[in-house]
Amino acid sequence: TALWWAITTATTIGYGDVIPKTEIGRGAAIILMLLGI
C-alpha cells in the first residue's frame, strides 16, 4: 500500500485513496512531490 501511495504521489496523480496522517508521512509526501516535479 505504501509503495502504491509513493508511486501515485511521485507521479503527481495522487488518487487520495491513501493519505498521510503523521508528520513522517507528510514529510515523505513532500519529498515525493518535489521528486515528481
PDB file of all heavy atoms in Angstrom:
ATOM      1  N   THR A   1       0.832  -1.210   0.000  1.00  0.00           N
ATOM      2  CA  THR A   1       0.000   0.000   0.000  1.00  0.00           C
ATOM      3  C   THR A   1       0.864   1.256   0.000  1.00  0.00           C
ATOM      4  O   THR A   1       0.576   2.228  -0.717  1.00  0.00           O
ATOM      5  CB  THR A   1      -0.923   0.002   1.227  1.00  0.00           C
ATOM      6  OG1 THR A   1      -1.762  -1.153   1.193  1.00  0.00           O
ATOM      7  CG2 THR A   1      -1.785   1.252   1.270  1.00  0.00           C
ATOM      8  N   ALA A   2       1.927   1.228   0.804  1.00  0.00           N
ATOM      9  CA  ALA A   2       2.824   2.384   0.883  1.00  0.00           C
ATOM     10  C   ALA A   2       3.523   2.629  -0.449  1.00  0.00           C
ATOM     11  O   ALA A   2       3.698   3.783  -0.870  1.00  0.00           O
ATOM     12  CB  ALA A   2       3.859   2.158   1.978  1.00  0.00           C
ATOM     13  N   LEU A   3       3.903   1.563  -1.138  1.00  0.00           N
ATOM     14  CA  LEU A   3       4.573   1.706  -2.426  1.00  0.00           C
ATOM     15  C   LEU A   3       3.608   2.282  -3.472  1.00  0.00           C
ATOM     16  O   LEU A   3       3.988   3.130  -4.284  1.00  0.00           O
ATOM     17  CB  LEU A   3       5.110   0.355  -2.894  1.00  0.00           C
ATOM     18  CG  LEU A   3       6.029   0.355  -4.117  1.00  0.00           C
ATOM     19  CD1 LEU A   3       7.261   1.209  -3.844  1.00  0.00           C
ATOM     20  CD2 LEU A   3       6.445  -1.072  -4.470  1.00  0.00           C
ATOM     21  N   TRP A   4       2.366   1.819  -3.439  1.00  0.00           N
ATOM     22  CA  TRP A   4       1.338   2.375  -4.337  1.00  0.00           C
ATOM     23  C   TRP A   4       1.154   3.858  -4.080  1.00  0.00           C
ATOM     24  O   TRP A   4       1.094   4.661  -5.024  1.00  0.00           O
ATOM     25  CB  TRP A   4       0.019   1.630  -4.127  1.00  0.00           C
ATOM     26  CG  TRP A   4      -1.186   2.330  -4.655  1.00  0.00           C
ATOM     27  CD1 TRP A   4      -2.137   3.013  -3.936  1.00  0.00           C
ATOM     28  CD2 TRP A   4      -1.574   2.466  -6.029  1.00  0.00           C
ATOM     29  NE1 TRP A   4      -3.093   3.546  -4.762  1.00  0.00           N
ATOM     30  CE2 TRP A   4      -2.788   3.219  -6.066  1.00  0.00           C
ATOM     31  CE3 TRP A   4      -1.037   2.016  -7.237  1.00  0.00           C
ATOM     32  CZ2 TRP A   4      -3.441   3.532  -7.241  1.00  0.00           C
ATOM     33  CZ3 TRP A   4      -1.702   2.331  -8.417  1.00  0.00           C
ATOM     34  CH2 TRP A   4      -2.890   3.077  -8.411  1.00  0.00           C
ATOM     35  N   TRP A   5       1.076   4.245  -2.812  1.00  0.00           N
ATOM     36  CA  TRP A   5       0.934   5.653  -2.454  1.00  0.00           C
ATOM     37  C   TRP A   5       2.134   6.462  -2.929  1.00  0.00           C
ATOM     38  O   TRP A   5       1.978   7.567  -3.478  1.00  0.00           O
ATOM     39  CB  TRP A   5       0.784   5.783  -0.939  1.00  0.00           C
ATOM     40  CG  TRP A   5       0.919   7.192  -0.453  1.00  0.00           C
ATOM     41  CD1 TRP A   5      -0.049   8.146  -0.423  1.00  0.00           C
ATOM     42  CD2 TRP A   5       2.108   7.807   0.041  1.00  0.00           C
ATOM     43  NE1 TRP A   5       0.458   9.324   0.069  1.00  0.00           N
ATOM     44  CE2 TRP A   5       1.773   9.146   0.361  1.00  0.00           C
ATOM     45  CE3 TRP A   5       3.415   7.361   0.262  1.00  0.00           C
ATOM     46  CZ2 TRP A   5       2.711  10.037   0.877  1.00  0.00           C
ATOM     47  CZ3 TRP A   5       4.346   8.242   0.765  1.00  0.00           C
ATOM     48  CH2 TRP A   5       3.989   9.574   1.077  1.00  0.00           C
ATOM     49  N   ALA A   6       3.342   5.922  -2.750  1.00  0.00           N
ATOM     50  CA  ALA A   6       4.565   6.638  -3.128  1.00  0.00           C
ATOM     51  C   ALA A   6       4.613   6.873  -4.636  1.00  0.00           C
ATOM     52  O   ALA A   6       4.978   7.964  -5.100  1.00  0.00           O
ATOM     53  CB  ALA A   6       5.793   5.863  -2.670  1.00  0.00           C
ATOM     54  N   ILE A   7       4.234   5.873  -5.411  1.00  0.00           N
ATOM     55  CA  ILE A   7       4.284   6.000  -6.879  1.00  0.00           C
ATOM     56  C   ILE A   7       3.256   7.014  -7.366  1.00  0.00           C
ATOM     57  O   ILE A   7       3.561   7.874  -8.206  1.00  0.00           O
ATOM     58  CB  ILE A   7       4.054   4.633  -7.547  1.00  0.00           C
ATOM     59  CG1 ILE A   7       5.233   3.691  -7.242  1.00  0.00           C
ATOM     60  CG2 ILE A   7       3.889   4.786  -9.057  1.00  0.00           C
ATOM     61  CD1 ILE A   7       5.021   2.272  -7.707  1.00  0.00           C
ATOM     62  N   THR A   8       2.029   6.938  -6.846  1.00  0.00           N
ATOM     63  CA  THR A   8       0.991   7.881  -7.287  1.00  0.00           C
ATOM     64  C   THR A   8       1.323   9.308  -6.859  1.00  0.00           C
ATOM     65  O   THR A   8       1.017  10.261  -7.579  1.00  0.00           O
ATOM     66  CB  THR A   8      -0.384   7.489  -6.714  1.00  0.00           C
ATOM     67  OG1 THR A   8      -0.304   7.404  -5.274  1.00  0.00           O
ATOM     68  CG2 THR A   8      -0.841   6.157  -7.277  1.00  0.00           C
ATOM     69  N   THR A   9       1.960   9.459  -5.719  1.00  0.00           N
ATOM     70  CA  THR A   9       2.345  10.799  -5.262  1.00  0.00           C
ATOM     71  C   THR A   9       3.492  11.346  -6.101  1.00  0.00           C
ATOM     72  O   THR A   9       3.479  12.518  -6.495  1.00  0.00           O
ATOM     73  CB  THR A   9       2.753  10.770  -3.783  1.00  0.00           C
ATOM     74  OG1 THR A   9       1.683  10.233  -2.994  1.00  0.00           O
ATOM     75  CG2 THR A   9       3.083  12.164  -3.275  1.00  0.00           C
ATOM     76  N   ALA A  10       4.484  10.517  -6.378  1.00  0.00           N
ATOM     77  CA  ALA A  10       5.652  10.959  -7.154  1.00  0.00           C
ATOM     78  C   ALA A  10       5.272  11.327  -8.584  1.00  0.00           C
ATOM     79  O   ALA A  10       5.863  12.227  -9.178  1.00  0.00           O
ATOM     80  CB  ALA A  10       6.724   9.876  -7.167  1.00  0.00           C
ATOM     81  N   THR A  11       4.265  10.638  -9.130  1.00  0.00           N
ATOM     82  CA  THR A  11       3.826  10.938 -10.496  1.00  0.00           C
ATOM     83  C   THR A  11       2.817  12.079 -10.526  1.00  0.00           C
ATOM     84  O   THR A  11       2.254  12.375 -11.591  1.00  0.00           O
ATOM     85  CB  THR A  11       3.194   9.692 -11.148  1.00  0.00           C
ATOM     86  OG1 THR A  11       2.160   9.172 -10.303  1.00  0.00           O
ATOM     87  CG2 THR A  11       4.236   8.604 -11.371  1.00  0.00           C
ATOM     88  N   THR A  12       2.597  12.712  -9.381  1.00  0.00           N
ATOM     89  CA  THR A  12       1.688  13.866  -9.208  1.00  0.00           C
ATOM     90  C   THR A  12       0.243  13.521  -9.541  1.00  0.00           C
ATOM     91  O   THR A  12      -0.563  14.414  -9.835  1.00  0.00           O
ATOM     92  CB  THR A  12       2.129  15.075 -10.071  1.00  0.00           C
ATOM     93  OG1 THR A  12       1.964  14.764 -11.451  1.00  0.00           O
ATOM     94  CG2 THR A  12       3.577  15.437  -9.813  1.00  0.00           C
ATOM     95  N   ILE A  13      -0.117  12.240  -9.504  1.00  0.00           N
ATOM     96  CA  ILE A  13      -1.511  11.828  -9.735  1.00  0.00           C
ATOM     97  C   ILE A  13      -2.305  11.972  -8.449  1.00  0.00           C
ATOM     98  O   ILE A  13      -3.304  12.678  -8.385  1.00  0.00           O
ATOM     99  CB  ILE A  13      -1.571  10.381 -10.262  1.00  0.00           C
ATOM    100  CG1 ILE A  13      -0.906  10.290 -11.629  1.00  0.00           C
ATOM    101  CG2 ILE A  13      -3.027   9.912 -10.343  1.00  0.00           C
ATOM    102  CD1 ILE A  13      -0.812   8.890 -12.174  1.00  0.00           C
ATOM    103  N   GLY A  14      -1.842  11.276  -7.390  1.00  0.00           N
ATOM    104  CA  GLY A  14      -2.466  11.412  -6.087  1.00  0.00           C
ATOM    105  C   GLY A  14      -3.948  11.112  -6.066  1.00  0.00           C
ATOM    106  O   GLY A  14      -4.779  12.011  -6.021  1.00  0.00           O
ATOM    107  N   TYR A  15      -4.304   9.827  -6.104  1.00  0.00           N
ATOM    108  CA  TYR A  15      -5.712   9.440  -6.123  1.00  0.00           C
ATOM    109  C   TYR A  15      -6.449   9.836  -4.842  1.00  0.00           C
ATOM    110  O   TYR A  15      -7.649  10.045  -4.848  1.00  0.00           O
ATOM    111  CB  TYR A  15      -5.834   7.934  -6.335  1.00  0.00           C
ATOM    112  CG  TYR A  15      -5.550   7.508  -7.753  1.00  0.00           C
ATOM    113  CD1 TYR A  15      -4.378   6.840  -8.076  1.00  0.00           C
ATOM    114  CD2 TYR A  15      -6.447   7.785  -8.784  1.00  0.00           C
ATOM    115  CE1 TYR A  15      -4.105   6.451  -9.384  1.00  0.00           C
ATOM    116  CE2 TYR A  15      -6.188   7.411 -10.087  1.00  0.00           C
ATOM    117  CZ  TYR A  15      -5.013   6.749 -10.379  1.00  0.00           C
ATOM    118  OH  TYR A  15      -4.747   6.375 -11.669  1.00  0.00           O
ATOM    119  N   GLY A  16      -5.746   9.918  -3.741  1.00  0.00           N
ATOM    120  CA  GLY A  16      -6.376  10.281  -2.483  1.00  0.00           C
ATOM    121  C   GLY A  16      -6.958   9.109  -1.724  1.00  0.00           C
ATOM    122  O   GLY A  16      -7.589   9.297  -0.677  1.00  0.00           O
ATOM    123  N   ASP A  17      -6.750   7.869  -2.250  1.00  0.00           N
ATOM    124  CA  ASP A  17      -7.260   6.700  -1.536  1.00  0.00           C
ATOM    125  C   ASP A  17      -6.439   6.401  -0.291  1.00  0.00           C
ATOM    126  O   ASP A  17      -6.927   5.799   0.659  1.00  0.00           O
ATOM    127  CB  ASP A  17      -7.281   5.475  -2.461  1.00  0.00           C
ATOM    128  CG  ASP A  17      -5.928   5.221  -3.108  1.00  0.00           C
ATOM    129  OD1 ASP A  17      -5.102   6.157  -3.147  1.00  0.00           O
ATOM    130  OD2 ASP A  17      -5.687   4.084  -3.560  1.00  0.00           O
ATOM    131  N   VAL A  18      -5.158   6.840  -0.300  1.00  0.00           N
ATOM    132  CA  VAL A  18      -4.287   6.696   0.868  1.00  0.00           C
ATOM    133  C   VAL A  18      -3.654   8.056   1.125  1.00  0.00           C
ATOM    134  O   VAL A  18      -3.072   8.656   0.219  1.00  0.00           O
ATOM    135  CB  VAL A  18      -3.176   5.649   0.627  1.00  0.00           C
ATOM    136  CG1 VAL A  18      -2.341   5.472   1.881  1.00  0.00           C
ATOM    137  CG2 VAL A  18      -3.776   4.315   0.183  1.00  0.00           C
ATOM    138  N   ILE A  19      -3.781   8.555   2.353  1.00  0.00           N
ATOM    139  CA  ILE A  19      -3.236   9.873   2.676  1.00  0.00           C
ATOM    140  C   ILE A  19      -2.415   9.787   3.961  1.00  0.00           C
ATOM    141  O   ILE A  19      -2.727   8.987   4.852  1.00  0.00           O
ATOM    142  CB  ILE A  19      -4.356  10.922   2.838  1.00  0.00           C
ATOM    143  CG1 ILE A  19      -5.326  10.494   3.943  1.00  0.00           C
ATOM    144  CG2 ILE A  19      -5.080  11.151   1.525  1.00  0.00           C
ATOM    145  CD1 ILE A  19      -6.375  11.551   4.269  1.00  0.00           C
ATOM    146  N   PRO A  20      -1.358  10.599   4.062  1.00  0.00           N
ATOM    147  CA  PRO A  20      -0.544  10.598   5.288  1.00  0.00           C
ATOM    148  C   PRO A  20      -1.231  11.356   6.418  1.00  0.00           C
ATOM    149  O   PRO A  20      -1.849  12.391   6.188  1.00  0.00           O
ATOM    150  CB  PRO A  20       0.739  11.303   4.837  1.00  0.00           C
ATOM    151  CG  PRO A  20       0.305  12.202   3.731  1.00  0.00           C
ATOM    152  CD  PRO A  20      -0.817  11.486   3.026  1.00  0.00           C
ATOM    153  N   LYS A  21      -1.094  10.828   7.618  1.00  0.00           N
ATOM    154  CA  LYS A  21      -1.690  11.466   8.783  1.00  0.00           C
ATOM    155  C   LYS A  21      -0.654  11.829   9.839  1.00  0.00           C
ATOM    156  O   LYS A  21      -0.960  12.562  10.775  1.00  0.00           O
ATOM    157  CB  LYS A  21      -2.742  10.544   9.402  1.00  0.00           C
ATOM    158  CG  LYS A  21      -3.893  10.220   8.447  1.00  0.00           C
ATOM    159  CD  LYS A  21      -4.880   9.262   9.084  1.00  0.00           C
ATOM    160  CE  LYS A  21      -6.022   8.920   8.112  1.00  0.00           C
ATOM    161  NZ  LYS A  21      -6.976   7.946   8.686  1.00  0.00           N
ATOM    162  N   THR A  22       0.560  11.295   9.686  1.00  0.00           N
ATOM    163  CA  THR A  22       1.627  11.576  10.643  1.00  0.00           C
ATOM    164  C   THR A  22       2.615  12.567  10.037  1.00  0.00           C
ATOM    165  O   THR A  22       2.627  12.797   8.821  1.00  0.00           O
ATOM    166  CB  THR A  22       2.368  10.284  11.032  1.00  0.00           C
ATOM    167  OG1 THR A  22       3.022   9.759   9.864  1.00  0.00           O
ATOM    168  CG2 THR A  22       1.407   9.247  11.575  1.00  0.00           C
ATOM    169  N   GLU A  23       3.468  13.148  10.899  1.00  0.00           N
ATOM    170  CA  GLU A  23       4.456  14.108  10.417  1.00  0.00           C
ATOM    171  C   GLU A  23       5.470  13.435   9.492  1.00  0.00           C
ATOM    172  O   GLU A  23       5.891  14.017   8.489  1.00  0.00           O
ATOM    173  CB  GLU A  23       5.171  14.760  11.610  1.00  0.00           C
ATOM    174  CG  GLU A  23       4.264  15.599  12.493  1.00  0.00           C
ATOM    175  CD  GLU A  23       3.606  16.729  11.721  1.00  0.00           C
ATOM    176  OE1 GLU A  23       4.261  17.294  10.820  1.00  0.00           O
ATOM    177  OE2 GLU A  23       2.436  17.046  12.005  1.00  0.00           O
ATOM    178  N   ILE A  24       5.883  12.209   9.838  1.00  0.00           N
ATOM    179  CA  ILE A  24       6.840  11.491   8.992  1.00  0.00           C
ATOM    180  C   ILE A  24       6.224  11.199   7.626  1.00  0.00           C
ATOM    181  O   ILE A  24       6.864  11.368   6.589  1.00  0.00           O
ATOM    182  CB  ILE A  24       7.295  10.186   9.677  1.00  0.00           C
ATOM    183  CG1 ILE A  24       8.088  10.513  10.943  1.00  0.00           C
ATOM    184  CG2 ILE A  24       8.134   9.335   8.727  1.00  0.00           C
ATOM    185  CD1 ILE A  24       8.524   9.281  11.715  1.00  0.00           C
ATOM    186  N   GLY A  25       4.961  10.780   7.624  1.00  0.00           N
ATOM    187  CA  GLY A  25       4.283  10.503   6.364  1.00  0.00           C
ATOM    188  C   GLY A  25       4.149  11.741   5.506  1.00  0.00           C
ATOM    189  O   GLY A  25       4.339  11.691   4.279  1.00  0.00           O
ATOM    190  N   ARG A  26       3.842  12.864   6.116  1.00  0.00           N
ATOM    191  CA  ARG A  26       3.713  14.107   5.357  1.00  0.00           C
ATOM    192  C   ARG A  26       5.075  14.565   4.839  1.00  0.00           C
ATOM    193  O   ARG A  26       5.170  15.124   3.739  1.00  0.00           O
ATOM    194  CB  ARG A  26       3.090  15.182   6.245  1.00  0.00           C
ATOM    195  CG  ARG A  26       1.605  14.925   6.532  1.00  0.00           C
ATOM    196  CD  ARG A  26       1.067  15.824   7.613  1.00  0.00           C
ATOM    197  NE  ARG A  26      -0.331  15.512   7.897  1.00  0.00           N
ATOM    198  CZ  ARG A  26      -0.988  15.963   8.968  1.00  0.00           C
ATOM    199  NH1 ARG A  26      -0.355  16.737   9.849  1.00  0.00           N
ATOM    200  NH2 ARG A  26      -2.251  15.628   9.153  1.00  0.00           N
ATOM    201  N   GLY A  27       6.114  14.340   5.648  1.00  0.00           N
ATOM    202  CA  GLY A  27       7.463  14.667   5.182  1.00  0.00           C
ATOM    203  C   GLY A  27       7.851  13.842   3.967  1.00  0.00           C
ATOM    204  O   GLY A  27       8.437  14.354   3.007  1.00  0.00           O
ATOM    205  N   ALA A  28       7.491  12.554   4.003  1.00  0.00           N
ATOM    206  CA  ALA A  28       7.750  11.686   2.852  1.00  0.00           C
ATOM    207  C   ALA A  28       6.978  12.166   1.632  1.00  0.00           C
ATOM    208  O   ALA A  28       7.479  12.127   0.502  1.00  0.00           O
ATOM    209  CB  ALA A  28       7.378  10.241   3.193  1.00  0.00           C
ATOM    210  N   ALA A  29       5.750  12.646   1.847  1.00  0.00           N
ATOM    211  CA  ALA A  29       4.929  13.147   0.740  1.00  0.00           C
ATOM    212  C   ALA A  29       5.565  14.377   0.098  1.00  0.00           C
ATOM    213  O   ALA A  29       5.575  14.513  -1.131  1.00  0.00           O
ATOM    214  CB  ALA A  29       3.530  13.478   1.240  1.00  0.00           C
ATOM    215  N   ILE A  30       6.109  15.266   0.922  1.00  0.00           N
ATOM    216  CA  ILE A  30       6.765  16.469   0.394  1.00  0.00           C
ATOM    217  C   ILE A  30       7.962  16.088  -0.471  1.00  0.00           C
ATOM    218  O   ILE A  30       8.173  16.646  -1.565  1.00  0.00           O
ATOM    219  CB  ILE A  30       7.197  17.388   1.546  1.00  0.00           C
ATOM    220  CG1 ILE A  30       5.968  17.962   2.264  1.00  0.00           C
ATOM    221  CG2 ILE A  30       8.095  18.516   1.041  1.00  0.00           C
ATOM    222  CD1 ILE A  30       6.292  18.748   3.516  1.00  0.00           C
ATOM    223  N   ILE A  31       8.747  15.122   0.008  1.00  0.00           N
ATOM    224  CA  ILE A  31       9.914  14.656  -0.762  1.00  0.00           C
ATOM    225  C   ILE A  31       9.475  14.118  -2.122  1.00  0.00           C
ATOM    226  O   ILE A  31      10.066  14.419  -3.161  1.00  0.00           O
ATOM    227  CB  ILE A  31      10.678  13.577   0.021  1.00  0.00           C
ATOM    228  CG1 ILE A  31      11.292  14.176   1.292  1.00  0.00           C
ATOM    229  CG2 ILE A  31      11.771  12.945  -0.850  1.00  0.00           C
ATOM    230  CD1 ILE A  31      11.911  13.150   2.210  1.00  0.00           C
ATOM    231  N   LEU A  32       8.398  13.333  -2.127  1.00  0.00           N
ATOM    232  CA  LEU A  32       7.912  12.735  -3.370  1.00  0.00           C
ATOM    233  C   LEU A  32       7.338  13.793  -4.317  1.00  0.00           C
ATOM    234  O   LEU A  32       7.490  13.687  -5.542  1.00  0.00           O
ATOM    235  CB  LEU A  32       6.849  11.681  -3.055  1.00  0.00           C
ATOM    236  CG  LEU A  32       7.373  10.390  -2.422  1.00  0.00           C
ATOM    237  CD1 LEU A  32       6.230   9.511  -1.978  1.00  0.00           C
ATOM    238  CD2 LEU A  32       8.263   9.637  -3.408  1.00  0.00           C
ATOM    239  N   MET A  33       6.676  14.799  -3.766  1.00  0.00           N
ATOM    240  CA  MET A  33       6.149  15.875  -4.617  1.00  0.00           C
ATOM    241  C   MET A  33       7.284  16.593  -5.330  1.00  0.00           C
ATOM    242  O   MET A  33       7.217  16.848  -6.540  1.00  0.00           O
ATOM    243  CB  MET A  33       5.352  16.867  -3.769  1.00  0.00           C
ATOM    244  CG  MET A  33       4.045  16.323  -3.201  1.00  0.00           C
ATOM    245  SD  MET A  33       3.267  17.551  -2.115  1.00  0.00           S
ATOM    246  CE  MET A  33       2.208  16.497  -1.124  1.00  0.00           C
ATOM    247  N   LEU A  34       8.326  16.954  -4.580  1.00  0.00           N
ATOM    248  CA  LEU A  34       9.475  17.632  -5.180  1.00  0.00           C
ATOM    249  C   LEU A  34      10.168  16.739  -6.198  1.00  0.00           C
ATOM    250  O   LEU A  34      10.610  17.205  -7.255  1.00  0.00           O
ATOM    251  CB  LEU A  34      10.467  18.051  -4.081  1.00  0.00           C
ATOM    252  CG  LEU A  34       9.950  19.088  -3.082  1.00  0.00           C
ATOM    253  CD1 LEU A  34      10.984  19.323  -1.989  1.00  0.00           C
ATOM    254  CD2 LEU A  34       9.618  20.397  -3.787  1.00  0.00           C
ATOM    255  N   LEU A  35      10.240  15.446  -5.870  1.00  0.00           N
ATOM    256  CA  LEU A  35      10.848  14.481  -6.797  1.00  0.00           C
ATOM    257  C   LEU A  35      10.062  14.430  -8.104  1.00  0.00           C
ATOM    258  O   LEU A  35      10.647  14.448  -9.194  1.00  0.00           O
ATOM    259  CB  LEU A  35      10.881  13.099  -6.154  1.00  0.00           C
ATOM    260  CG  LEU A  35      11.388  11.957  -7.035  1.00  0.00           C
ATOM    261  CD1 LEU A  35      12.898  12.049  -7.189  1.00  0.00           C
ATOM    262  CD2 LEU A  35      11.005  10.608  -6.437  1.00  0.00           C
ATOM    263  N   GLY A  36       8.730  14.366  -7.993  1.00  0.00           N
ATOM    264  CA  GLY A  36       7.889  14.282  -9.184  1.00  0.00           C
ATOM    265  C   GLY A  36       7.999  15.513 -10.052  1.00  0.00           C
ATOM    266  O   GLY A  36       8.113  15.421 -11.283  1.00  0.00           O
ATOM    267  N   ILE A  37       7.998  16.694  -9.412  1.00  0.00           N
ATOM    268  CA  ILE A  37       8.121  17.947 -10.172  1.00  0.00           C
ATOM    269  C   ILE A  37       9.464  17.990 -10.903  1.00  0.00           C
ATOM    270  O   ILE A  37       9.549  18.358 -12.075  1.00  0.00           O
ATOM    271  CB  ILE A  37       7.968  19.157  -9.236  1.00  0.00           C
ATOM    272  CG1 ILE A  37       6.539  19.217  -8.677  1.00  0.00           C
ATOM    273  CG2 ILE A  37       8.310  20.451  -9.965  1.00  0.00           C
ATOM    274  CD1 ILE A  37       6.350  20.250  -7.594  1.00  0.00           C
TER     275      ILE A  37
END
